[in-house]
Amino acid sequence: MLPSRDDALALMQEWTASDSLRKHMLAVEGAMVAYAEHFGEDVATWSLAGLLHDFDYERFPNDAHAADAEHPSEGVRHLRTLGYPEEVLQAILGHAHYTGVARETRMAKALFAVDELCGLITAAALVRPSRSVLDLEASSVKKKMKDKGFARGVSREDVVQGAAELGVDLDTHIAFVITALRARADALGLAGTPA
């Protein structure tokens, strides 16, 4: 029996105090749901992978990038005790290079592909005069990708590699994820500021 989204959301909120990190996980969940629908995959399962991929990050930040300790390994161990499907756990482990866990499923590839990109899109939306994803175009995100000083924490290599692993064109991928985030712009704080 798949854990419910409500239970997953409660767990994510219990373990994560940061509003921006919570919004990041909601953004990644939105992109995962959109890709699950696009590929005809199980939406509920993909939703859980996106929603919980960083839920342990504050408690176990893993600055040393240990392969089997801290984030995401500690979180995965906890999720396993709660009965989360192995497919979700492997996708969460695989989204961090340093775990050494191969991304073998489409879900794992999608999670890796959307994770850094959601961060880049969010940052690009927030520096717009509108502070909105609703008028953000893929070309603007591509332009920001080339600016090494912009959103330094976002790995451009992971964005490019993620699209390649998922088997999607990079420009199409960026536009697809922007559309997914527009659908939940209010919840993500990306609907913009009123004039």
N, C-alpha and C. Protein backbone atom coordinates (compact mmCIF):
# COMPACT_ATOMS: atom_id res chain seq x y z
N MET A 1 0.84 -1.19 0.00
CA MET A 1 0.00 0.00 0.00
C MET A 1 0.89 1.25 0.00
N LEU A 2 0.65 2.12 -0.96
CA LEU A 2 1.44 3.34 -1.11
C LEU A 2 1.09 4.34 -0.01
N PRO A 3 2.11 4.89 0.68
CA PRO A 3 1.80 5.95 1.64
C PRO A 3 1.08 7.11 0.94
N SER A 4 0.24 7.81 1.67
CA SER A 4 -0.53 8.90 1.06
C SER A 4 0.31 10.15 0.89
N ARG A 5 -0.11 11.00 -0.04
CA ARG A 5 0.58 12.28 -0.22
C ARG A 5 0.46 13.13 1.04
N ASP A 6 -0.69 13.07 1.72
CA ASP A 6 -0.88 13.84 2.95
C ASP A 6 0.16 13.44 4.00
N ASP A 7 0.38 12.13 4.13
CA ASP A 7 1.38 11.66 5.09
C ASP A 7 2.79 12.11 4.68
N ALA A 8 3.07 12.03 3.39
CA ALA A 8 4.38 12.45 2.88
C ALA A 8 4.59 13.94 3.10
N LEU A 9 3.56 14.73 2.84
CA LEU A 9 3.65 16.18 3.03
C LEU A 9 3.89 16.50 4.51
N ALA A 10 3.18 15.82 5.39
CA ALA A 10 3.35 16.04 6.83
C ALA A 10 4.77 15.71 7.27
N LEU A 11 5.31 14.61 6.75
CA LEU A 11 6.68 14.21 7.07
C LEU A 11 7.67 15.25 6.56
N MET A 12 7.49 15.69 5.32
CA MET A 12 8.38 16.70 4.74
C MET A 12 8.36 17.97 5.59
N GLN A 13 7.17 18.40 5.99
CA GLN A 13 7.06 19.63 6.78
C GLN A 13 7.63 19.45 8.18
N GLU A 14 7.48 18.27 8.75
CA GLU A 14 8.02 17.98 10.09
C GLU A 14 9.55 18.06 10.08
N TRP A 15 10.18 17.56 9.02
CA TRP A 15 11.63 17.49 8.95
C TRP A 15 12.26 18.75 8.34
N THR A 16 11.48 19.61 7.72
CA THR A 16 12.01 20.76 6.99
C THR A 16 11.40 22.06 7.48
N ALA A 17 12.22 22.92 8.05
CA ALA A 17 11.73 24.22 8.54
C ALA A 17 11.80 25.30 7.46
N SER A 18 12.77 25.19 6.57
CA SER A 18 13.02 26.22 5.56
C SER A 18 11.89 26.30 4.54
N ASP A 19 11.30 27.49 4.43
CA ASP A 19 10.23 27.71 3.46
C ASP A 19 10.73 27.50 2.03
N SER A 20 11.94 27.98 1.74
CA SER A 20 12.45 27.83 0.37
C SER A 20 12.73 26.37 0.02
N LEU A 21 13.20 25.58 0.98
CA LEU A 21 13.44 24.16 0.71
C LEU A 21 12.11 23.42 0.56
N ARG A 22 11.12 23.78 1.37
CA ARG A 22 9.79 23.18 1.21
C ARG A 22 9.24 23.48 -0.19
N LYS A 23 9.37 24.74 -0.61
CA LYS A 23 8.87 25.12 -1.94
C LYS A 23 9.64 24.40 -3.04
N HIS A 24 10.95 24.20 -2.83
CA HIS A 24 11.73 23.45 -3.82
C HIS A 24 11.17 22.03 -3.98
N MET A 25 10.88 21.38 -2.87
CA MET A 25 10.34 20.01 -2.95
C MET A 25 8.96 19.99 -3.60
N LEU A 26 8.15 21.01 -3.33
CA LEU A 26 6.84 21.11 -4.00
C LEU A 26 7.01 21.36 -5.50
N ALA A 27 8.03 22.14 -5.87
CA ALA A 27 8.30 22.39 -7.29
C ALA A 27 8.73 21.10 -7.98
N VAL A 28 9.66 20.38 -7.36
CA VAL A 28 10.13 19.12 -7.94
C VAL A 28 8.97 18.13 -8.03
N GLU A 29 8.13 18.10 -7.01
CA GLU A 29 6.94 17.23 -7.07
C GLU A 29 6.07 17.60 -8.27
N GLY A 30 5.86 18.89 -8.49
CA GLY A 30 5.03 19.33 -9.61
C GLY A 30 5.60 18.89 -10.95
N ALA A 31 6.92 19.00 -11.09
CA ALA A 31 7.57 18.56 -12.33
C ALA A 31 7.48 17.04 -12.48
N MET A 32 7.62 16.32 -11.38
CA MET A 32 7.52 14.86 -11.43
C MET A 32 6.11 14.41 -11.81
N VAL A 33 5.11 15.07 -11.24
CA VAL A 33 3.72 14.73 -11.58
C VAL A 33 3.47 14.97 -13.07
N ALA A 34 3.97 16.10 -13.58
CA ALA A 34 3.78 16.41 -15.00
C ALA A 34 4.46 15.37 -15.89
N TYR A 35 5.68 14.97 -15.52
CA TYR A 35 6.37 13.95 -16.33
C TYR A 35 5.70 12.58 -16.19
N ALA A 36 5.20 12.24 -15.02
CA ALA A 36 4.49 10.96 -14.86
C ALA A 36 3.28 10.92 -15.78
N GLU A 37 2.53 12.02 -15.82
CA GLU A 37 1.37 12.10 -16.72
C GLU A 37 1.82 12.00 -18.17
N HIS A 38 2.90 12.71 -18.51
CA HIS A 38 3.42 12.74 -19.88
C HIS A 38 3.84 11.34 -20.35
N PHE A 39 4.50 10.60 -19.46
CA PHE A 39 5.02 9.27 -19.82
C PHE A 39 4.04 8.14 -19.52
N GLY A 40 2.87 8.47 -18.95
CA GLY A 40 1.91 7.42 -18.61
C GLY A 40 2.35 6.57 -17.44
N GLU A 41 3.06 7.17 -16.50
CA GLU A 41 3.56 6.46 -15.32
C GLU A 41 2.61 6.72 -14.14
N ASP A 42 2.90 6.06 -13.01
CA ASP A 42 2.04 6.20 -11.83
C ASP A 42 2.29 7.55 -11.15
N VAL A 43 1.31 8.42 -11.24
CA VAL A 43 1.44 9.79 -10.75
C VAL A 43 1.68 9.82 -9.24
N ALA A 44 0.95 9.03 -8.49
CA ALA A 44 1.08 9.07 -7.02
C ALA A 44 2.49 8.69 -6.57
N THR A 45 3.05 7.67 -7.20
CA THR A 45 4.40 7.22 -6.83
C THR A 45 5.45 8.27 -7.19
N TRP A 46 5.34 8.82 -8.40
CA TRP A 46 6.30 9.84 -8.83
C TRP A 46 6.18 11.09 -7.97
N SER A 47 4.97 11.41 -7.55
CA SER A 47 4.73 12.55 -6.68
C SER A 47 5.52 12.40 -5.38
N LEU A 48 5.48 11.21 -4.78
CA LEU A 48 6.18 10.96 -3.52
C LEU A 48 7.69 11.14 -3.67
N ALA A 49 8.24 10.67 -4.78
CA ALA A 49 9.68 10.81 -5.00
C ALA A 49 10.08 12.28 -5.06
N GLY A 50 9.28 13.09 -5.75
CA GLY A 50 9.58 14.51 -5.84
C GLY A 50 9.41 15.23 -4.52
N LEU A 51 8.33 14.91 -3.84
CA LEU A 51 7.99 15.60 -2.60
C LEU A 51 9.00 15.31 -1.48
N LEU A 52 9.59 14.12 -1.48
CA LEU A 52 10.45 13.72 -0.36
C LEU A 52 11.94 13.64 -0.70
N HIS A 53 12.33 14.03 -1.91
CA HIS A 53 13.73 13.80 -2.31
C HIS A 53 14.75 14.53 -1.44
N ASP A 54 14.38 15.66 -0.85
CA ASP A 54 15.30 16.43 0.00
C ASP A 54 14.79 16.60 1.43
N PHE A 55 13.83 15.78 1.84
CA PHE A 55 13.19 16.04 3.14
C PHE A 55 14.16 15.92 4.32
N ASP A 56 15.25 15.17 4.15
CA ASP A 56 16.22 14.99 5.24
C ASP A 56 17.40 15.95 5.15
N TYR A 57 17.37 16.86 4.19
CA TYR A 57 18.53 17.71 3.90
C TYR A 57 18.91 18.61 5.08
N GLU A 58 17.95 19.17 5.78
CA GLU A 58 18.28 20.05 6.92
C GLU A 58 18.85 19.27 8.10
N ARG A 59 18.30 18.12 8.38
CA ARG A 59 18.79 17.31 9.51
C ARG A 59 20.14 16.67 9.22
N PHE A 60 20.36 16.30 7.96
CA PHE A 60 21.58 15.58 7.57
C PHE A 60 22.17 16.19 6.30
N PRO A 61 22.77 17.39 6.39
CA PRO A 61 23.16 18.13 5.19
C PRO A 61 24.22 17.47 4.29
N ASN A 62 25.07 16.63 4.83
CA ASN A 62 26.06 15.88 4.05
C ASN A 62 27.01 16.75 3.25
N ASP A 63 27.64 17.70 3.92
CA ASP A 63 28.63 18.57 3.26
C ASP A 63 29.82 17.77 2.73
N ALA A 64 30.10 16.63 3.37
CA ALA A 64 31.23 15.79 2.95
C ALA A 64 30.88 14.90 1.76
N HIS A 65 29.61 14.88 1.37
CA HIS A 65 29.13 14.01 0.28
C HIS A 65 29.46 12.54 0.52
N ALA A 66 29.19 12.10 1.74
CA ALA A 66 29.37 10.69 2.07
C ALA A 66 28.36 9.85 1.29
N ALA A 67 28.83 8.73 0.78
CA ALA A 67 27.99 7.90 -0.10
C ALA A 67 26.81 7.25 0.64
N ASP A 68 27.02 6.88 1.91
CA ASP A 68 25.96 6.12 2.59
C ASP A 68 25.60 6.68 3.97
N ALA A 69 25.92 7.95 4.19
CA ALA A 69 25.54 8.61 5.44
C ALA A 69 24.92 9.96 5.10
N GLU A 70 24.24 10.55 6.09
CA GLU A 70 23.65 11.87 5.89
C GLU A 70 22.61 11.86 4.76
N HIS A 71 22.38 13.02 4.11
CA HIS A 71 21.42 13.15 3.00
C HIS A 71 22.00 12.53 1.74
N PRO A 72 21.23 11.74 0.97
CA PRO A 72 19.84 11.32 1.19
C PRO A 72 19.71 9.96 1.89
N SER A 73 20.83 9.37 2.27
CA SER A 73 20.80 8.00 2.82
C SER A 73 20.01 7.89 4.12
N GLU A 74 20.18 8.87 5.02
CA GLU A 74 19.44 8.81 6.29
C GLU A 74 17.94 8.88 6.05
N GLY A 75 17.54 9.79 5.16
CA GLY A 75 16.12 9.91 4.85
C GLY A 75 15.56 8.64 4.24
N VAL A 76 16.32 8.03 3.34
CA VAL A 76 15.87 6.80 2.69
C VAL A 76 15.72 5.68 3.72
N ARG A 77 16.66 5.60 4.67
CA ARG A 77 16.52 4.58 5.72
C ARG A 77 15.22 4.78 6.50
N HIS A 78 14.90 6.05 6.79
CA HIS A 78 13.65 6.34 7.53
C HIS A 78 12.42 5.99 6.67
N LEU A 79 12.45 6.37 5.40
CA LEU A 79 11.33 6.07 4.51
C LEU A 79 11.12 4.56 4.36
N ARG A 80 12.21 3.81 4.37
CA ARG A 80 12.11 2.35 4.24
C ARG A 80 11.35 1.77 5.44
N THR A 81 11.59 2.32 6.63
CA THR A 81 10.88 1.83 7.83
C THR A 81 9.38 2.15 7.75
N LEU A 82 9.04 3.18 6.96
CA LEU A 82 7.63 3.58 6.82
C LEU A 82 6.94 2.86 5.65
N GLY A 83 7.68 2.00 4.95
CA GLY A 83 7.08 1.21 3.90
C GLY A 83 7.01 1.86 2.52
N TYR A 84 7.87 2.86 2.28
CA TYR A 84 7.88 3.47 0.95
C TYR A 84 8.43 2.49 -0.06
N PRO A 85 7.93 2.52 -1.30
CA PRO A 85 8.37 1.57 -2.33
C PRO A 85 9.85 1.73 -2.66
N GLU A 86 10.49 0.63 -2.91
CA GLU A 86 11.92 0.62 -3.23
C GLU A 86 12.22 1.49 -4.44
N GLU A 87 11.31 1.53 -5.40
CA GLU A 87 11.50 2.35 -6.60
C GLU A 87 11.67 3.84 -6.24
N VAL A 88 10.89 4.30 -5.28
CA VAL A 88 10.98 5.68 -4.81
C VAL A 88 12.31 5.90 -4.09
N LEU A 89 12.68 4.94 -3.24
CA LEU A 89 13.93 5.06 -2.47
C LEU A 89 15.14 5.08 -3.39
N GLN A 90 15.14 4.24 -4.41
CA GLN A 90 16.27 4.21 -5.35
C GLN A 90 16.35 5.51 -6.15
N ALA A 91 15.21 6.08 -6.50
CA ALA A 91 15.20 7.35 -7.22
C ALA A 91 15.78 8.46 -6.34
N ILE A 92 15.39 8.47 -5.07
CA ILE A 92 15.90 9.50 -4.14
C ILE A 92 17.40 9.34 -3.96
N LEU A 93 17.86 8.12 -3.78
CA LEU A 93 19.31 7.89 -3.65
C LEU A 93 20.04 8.31 -4.92
N GLY A 94 19.46 8.01 -6.07
CA GLY A 94 20.10 8.29 -7.35
C GLY A 94 20.17 9.75 -7.73
N HIS A 95 19.38 10.61 -7.06
CA HIS A 95 19.42 12.02 -7.44
C HIS A 95 20.68 12.72 -6.96
N ALA A 96 21.45 12.06 -6.08
CA ALA A 96 22.73 12.60 -5.61
C ALA A 96 23.85 11.75 -6.20
N HIS A 97 24.70 12.37 -7.03
CA HIS A 97 25.81 11.65 -7.67
C HIS A 97 26.62 10.83 -6.68
N TYR A 98 26.92 11.45 -5.54
CA TYR A 98 27.89 10.87 -4.61
C TYR A 98 27.43 9.58 -3.93
N THR A 99 26.15 9.22 -4.05
CA THR A 99 25.70 7.95 -3.46
C THR A 99 26.20 6.76 -4.27
N GLY A 100 26.49 7.01 -5.55
CA GLY A 100 26.92 5.92 -6.43
C GLY A 100 25.78 5.03 -6.89
N VAL A 101 24.54 5.41 -6.57
CA VAL A 101 23.37 4.62 -6.98
C VAL A 101 22.98 5.00 -8.40
N ALA A 102 22.97 4.01 -9.27
CA ALA A 102 22.65 4.24 -10.68
C ALA A 102 21.18 4.61 -10.84
N ARG A 103 20.93 5.51 -11.79
CA ARG A 103 19.54 5.89 -12.13
C ARG A 103 19.07 4.95 -13.24
N GLU A 104 18.36 3.89 -12.85
CA GLU A 104 17.97 2.86 -13.81
C GLU A 104 16.54 2.99 -14.29
N THR A 105 15.67 3.58 -13.47
CA THR A 105 14.27 3.70 -13.85
C THR A 105 14.00 5.07 -14.45
N ARG A 106 12.92 5.15 -15.18
CA ARG A 106 12.53 6.45 -15.74
C ARG A 106 12.25 7.45 -14.62
N MET A 107 11.66 6.96 -13.51
CA MET A 107 11.39 7.84 -12.37
C MET A 107 12.69 8.43 -11.82
N ALA A 108 13.70 7.60 -11.66
CA ALA A 108 14.99 8.07 -11.13
C ALA A 108 15.62 9.09 -12.08
N LYS A 109 15.54 8.82 -13.36
CA LYS A 109 16.10 9.74 -14.36
C LYS A 109 15.35 11.07 -14.35
N ALA A 110 14.03 10.99 -14.21
CA ALA A 110 13.22 12.21 -14.19
C ALA A 110 13.53 13.04 -12.94
N LEU A 111 13.65 12.40 -11.79
CA LEU A 111 13.95 13.13 -10.56
C LEU A 111 15.27 13.88 -10.68
N PHE A 112 16.28 13.21 -11.20
CA PHE A 112 17.58 13.86 -11.40
C PHE A 112 17.44 15.01 -12.40
N ALA A 113 16.66 14.78 -13.45
CA ALA A 113 16.53 15.78 -14.52
C ALA A 113 15.82 17.04 -14.07
N VAL A 114 14.87 16.92 -13.15
CA VAL A 114 14.09 18.11 -12.76
C VAL A 114 14.62 18.81 -11.51
N ASP A 115 15.40 18.12 -10.70
CA ASP A 115 15.82 18.68 -9.41
C ASP A 115 16.56 20.01 -9.54
N GLU A 116 17.70 20.02 -10.18
CA GLU A 116 18.48 21.26 -10.33
C GLU A 116 17.75 22.27 -11.21
N LEU A 117 17.05 21.76 -12.23
CA LEU A 117 16.34 22.65 -13.14
C LEU A 117 15.25 23.43 -12.40
N CYS A 118 14.55 22.80 -11.47
CA CYS A 118 13.53 23.52 -10.70
C CYS A 118 14.16 24.67 -9.91
N GLY A 119 15.35 24.43 -9.37
CA GLY A 119 16.05 25.50 -8.66
C GLY A 119 16.41 26.65 -9.57
N LEU A 120 16.87 26.32 -10.77
CA LEU A 120 17.26 27.35 -11.74
C LEU A 120 16.04 28.15 -12.22
N ILE A 121 14.95 27.46 -12.50
CA ILE A 121 13.73 28.13 -12.95
C ILE A 121 13.19 29.04 -11.85
N THR A 122 13.18 28.56 -10.62
CA THR A 122 12.71 29.38 -9.49
C THR A 122 13.55 30.64 -9.37
N ALA A 123 14.87 30.49 -9.41
CA ALA A 123 15.76 31.65 -9.30
C ALA A 123 15.54 32.63 -10.45
N ALA A 124 15.38 32.08 -11.66
CA ALA A 124 15.16 32.94 -12.83
C ALA A 124 13.84 33.70 -12.73
N ALA A 125 12.82 33.05 -12.19
CA ALA A 125 11.51 33.71 -12.04
C ALA A 125 11.59 34.83 -11.00
N LEU A 126 12.31 34.58 -9.91
CA LEU A 126 12.35 35.54 -8.81
C LEU A 126 13.15 36.81 -9.11
N VAL A 127 14.00 36.77 -10.14
CA VAL A 127 14.74 38.00 -10.49
C VAL A 127 14.04 38.79 -11.59
N ARG A 128 12.93 38.27 -12.10
CA ARG A 128 12.16 39.01 -13.10
C ARG A 128 11.43 40.18 -12.44
N PRO A 129 11.16 41.25 -13.17
CA PRO A 129 10.38 42.36 -12.58
C PRO A 129 9.04 41.88 -12.02
N SER A 130 8.44 40.89 -12.66
CA SER A 130 7.14 40.35 -12.23
C SER A 130 7.27 39.40 -11.04
N ARG A 131 8.50 38.90 -10.79
CA ARG A 131 8.75 37.85 -9.78
C ARG A 131 7.82 36.65 -10.00
N SER A 132 7.65 36.29 -11.26
CA SER A 132 6.67 35.26 -11.62
C SER A 132 7.22 34.26 -12.62
N VAL A 133 6.76 33.02 -12.50
CA VAL A 133 7.06 31.99 -13.48
C VAL A 133 6.05 32.05 -14.64
N LEU A 134 4.98 32.81 -14.43
CA LEU A 134 3.90 32.83 -15.42
C LEU A 134 4.31 33.49 -16.73
N ASP A 135 5.28 34.41 -16.67
CA ASP A 135 5.75 35.06 -17.90
C ASP A 135 7.21 34.71 -18.22
N LEU A 136 7.70 33.66 -17.58
CA LEU A 136 9.08 33.20 -17.81
C LEU A 136 9.12 32.30 -19.04
N GLU A 137 10.08 32.54 -19.90
CA GLU A 137 10.25 31.71 -21.10
C GLU A 137 11.52 30.87 -20.98
N ALA A 138 11.53 29.76 -21.69
CA ALA A 138 12.68 28.86 -21.67
C ALA A 138 13.95 29.57 -22.12
N SER A 139 13.83 30.48 -23.08
CA SER A 139 15.01 31.21 -23.57
C SER A 139 15.67 32.03 -22.47
N SER A 140 14.87 32.58 -21.55
CA SER A 140 15.42 33.34 -20.43
C SER A 140 16.20 32.43 -19.48
N VAL A 141 15.67 31.24 -19.27
CA VAL A 141 16.34 30.27 -18.40
C VAL A 141 17.66 29.83 -19.03
N LYS A 142 17.63 29.58 -20.34
CA LYS A 142 18.86 29.19 -21.04
C LYS A 142 19.92 30.29 -20.92
N LYS A 143 19.48 31.54 -21.05
CA LYS A 143 20.40 32.67 -20.93
C LYS A 143 21.00 32.73 -19.53
N LYS A 144 20.17 32.52 -18.50
CA LYS A 144 20.66 32.52 -17.12
C LYS A 144 21.62 31.37 -16.87
N MET A 145 21.41 30.25 -17.55
CA MET A 145 22.30 29.09 -17.40
C MET A 145 23.73 29.45 -17.78
N LYS A 146 23.88 30.32 -18.77
CA LYS A 146 25.22 30.70 -19.25
C LYS A 146 25.93 31.65 -18.31
N ASP A 147 25.18 32.32 -17.44
CA ASP A 147 25.75 33.26 -16.48
C ASP A 147 26.20 32.49 -15.24
N LYS A 148 27.51 32.24 -15.15
CA LYS A 148 28.05 31.41 -14.05
C LYS A 148 27.83 32.05 -12.67
N GLY A 149 27.66 33.37 -12.64
CA GLY A 149 27.45 34.06 -11.38
C GLY A 149 26.02 33.96 -10.87
N PHE A 150 25.12 33.54 -11.75
CA PHE A 150 23.70 33.47 -11.38
C PHE A 150 23.38 32.10 -10.77
N ALA A 151 22.72 32.09 -9.63
CA ALA A 151 22.30 30.83 -8.97
C ALA A 151 23.46 29.84 -8.96
N ARG A 152 24.54 30.27 -8.32
CA ARG A 152 25.79 29.49 -8.32
C ARG A 152 25.61 28.06 -7.81
N GLY A 153 24.65 27.87 -6.91
CA GLY A 153 24.46 26.54 -6.33
C GLY A 153 23.84 25.53 -7.28
N VAL A 154 23.36 25.99 -8.42
CA VAL A 154 22.71 25.10 -9.38
C VAL A 154 23.76 24.53 -10.34
N SER A 155 23.82 23.22 -10.42
CA SER A 155 24.76 22.56 -11.34
C SER A 155 24.20 22.55 -12.76
N ARG A 156 24.83 23.35 -13.61
CA ARG A 156 24.43 23.37 -15.02
C ARG A 156 24.69 22.01 -15.67
N GLU A 157 25.78 21.36 -15.26
CA GLU A 157 26.11 20.04 -15.81
C GLU A 157 25.01 19.04 -15.51
N ASP A 158 24.46 19.10 -14.28
CA ASP A 158 23.37 18.18 -13.92
C ASP A 158 22.11 18.46 -14.74
N VAL A 159 21.84 19.73 -15.03
CA VAL A 159 20.67 20.08 -15.83
C VAL A 159 20.80 19.47 -17.22
N VAL A 160 21.97 19.65 -17.83
CA VAL A 160 22.21 19.13 -19.19
C VAL A 160 22.23 17.60 -19.17
N GLN A 161 22.95 17.01 -18.21
CA GLN A 161 23.04 15.55 -18.12
C GLN A 161 21.67 14.94 -17.84
N GLY A 162 20.88 15.61 -16.99
CA GLY A 162 19.56 15.08 -16.65
C GLY A 162 18.65 14.98 -17.86
N ALA A 163 18.64 16.03 -18.68
CA ALA A 163 17.82 16.00 -19.90
C ALA A 163 18.28 14.87 -20.81
N ALA A 164 19.60 14.72 -20.94
CA ALA A 164 20.15 13.67 -21.81
C ALA A 164 19.76 12.28 -21.30
N GLU A 165 19.90 12.06 -19.99
CA GLU A 165 19.55 10.74 -19.42
C GLU A 165 18.07 10.44 -19.60
N LEU A 166 17.24 11.47 -19.48
CA LEU A 166 15.80 11.28 -19.63
C LEU A 166 15.41 11.11 -21.10
N GLY A 167 16.32 11.49 -21.99
CA GLY A 167 16.07 11.34 -23.42
C GLY A 167 15.20 12.44 -23.99
N VAL A 168 15.31 13.65 -23.41
CA VAL A 168 14.51 14.78 -23.90
C VAL A 168 15.44 15.92 -24.31
N ASP A 169 15.01 16.68 -25.31
CA ASP A 169 15.74 17.85 -25.76
C ASP A 169 15.78 18.87 -24.63
N LEU A 170 16.93 19.51 -24.42
CA LEU A 170 17.08 20.43 -23.30
C LEU A 170 16.09 21.58 -23.34
N ASP A 171 15.93 22.22 -24.49
CA ASP A 171 14.99 23.35 -24.59
C ASP A 171 13.56 22.90 -24.30
N THR A 172 13.19 21.75 -24.83
CA THR A 172 11.85 21.20 -24.61
C THR A 172 11.66 20.88 -23.13
N HIS A 173 12.70 20.32 -22.52
CA HIS A 173 12.69 19.96 -21.09
C HIS A 173 12.48 21.21 -20.22
N ILE A 174 13.22 22.26 -20.50
CA ILE A 174 13.09 23.50 -19.73
C ILE A 174 11.67 24.05 -19.86
N ALA A 175 11.16 24.11 -21.09
CA ALA A 175 9.81 24.62 -21.31
C ALA A 175 8.77 23.76 -20.60
N PHE A 176 8.96 22.45 -20.63
CA PHE A 176 8.03 21.51 -20.00
C PHE A 176 7.97 21.76 -18.48
N VAL A 177 9.14 21.90 -17.86
CA VAL A 177 9.19 22.09 -16.41
C VAL A 177 8.63 23.47 -16.03
N ILE A 178 8.89 24.49 -16.84
CA ILE A 178 8.29 25.81 -16.58
C ILE A 178 6.76 25.68 -16.56
N THR A 179 6.21 24.99 -17.55
CA THR A 179 4.75 24.79 -17.62
C THR A 179 4.24 24.07 -16.38
N ALA A 180 4.98 23.05 -15.93
CA ALA A 180 4.60 22.31 -14.73
C ALA A 180 4.58 23.23 -13.51
N LEU A 181 5.56 24.11 -13.40
CA LEU A 181 5.63 25.00 -12.24
C LEU A 181 4.58 26.10 -12.30
N ARG A 182 4.20 26.50 -13.51
CA ARG A 182 3.12 27.49 -13.65
C ARG A 182 1.83 26.97 -13.03
N ALA A 183 1.60 25.67 -13.15
CA ALA A 183 0.36 25.07 -12.64
C ALA A 183 0.25 25.18 -11.12
N ARG A 184 1.39 25.36 -10.44
CA ARG A 184 1.34 25.52 -8.98
C ARG A 184 2.08 26.77 -8.53
N ALA A 185 2.03 27.78 -9.37
CA ALA A 185 2.75 29.03 -9.11
C ALA A 185 2.39 29.65 -7.76
N ASP A 186 1.11 29.63 -7.39
CA ASP A 186 0.69 30.22 -6.11
C ASP A 186 1.36 29.52 -4.95
N ALA A 187 1.32 28.20 -4.93
CA ALA A 187 1.89 27.43 -3.82
C ALA A 187 3.41 27.60 -3.73
N LEU A 188 4.03 27.87 -4.88
CA LEU A 188 5.49 28.01 -4.93
C LEU A 188 5.95 29.44 -4.68
N GLY A 189 5.01 30.36 -4.55
CA GLY A 189 5.38 31.76 -4.38
C GLY A 189 5.91 32.37 -5.65
N LEU A 190 5.48 31.82 -6.80
CA LEU A 190 5.99 32.26 -8.09
C LEU A 190 4.90 32.84 -8.98
N ALA A 191 3.79 33.25 -8.38
CA ALA A 191 2.70 33.84 -9.16
C ALA A 191 2.94 35.33 -9.43
N GLY A 192 3.96 35.88 -8.80
CA GLY A 192 4.29 37.28 -9.05
C GLY A 192 3.75 38.23 -8.00
N THR A 193 4.18 39.47 -8.11
CA THR A 193 3.72 40.49 -7.18
C THR A 193 2.76 41.41 -7.92
N PRO A 194 1.65 41.73 -7.31
CA PRO A 194 0.68 42.62 -7.97
C PRO A 194 1.30 43.99 -8.29
N ALA A 195 0.91 44.55 -9.39
CA ALA A 195 1.46 45.85 -9.81
C ALA A 195 1.02 46.94 -8.87
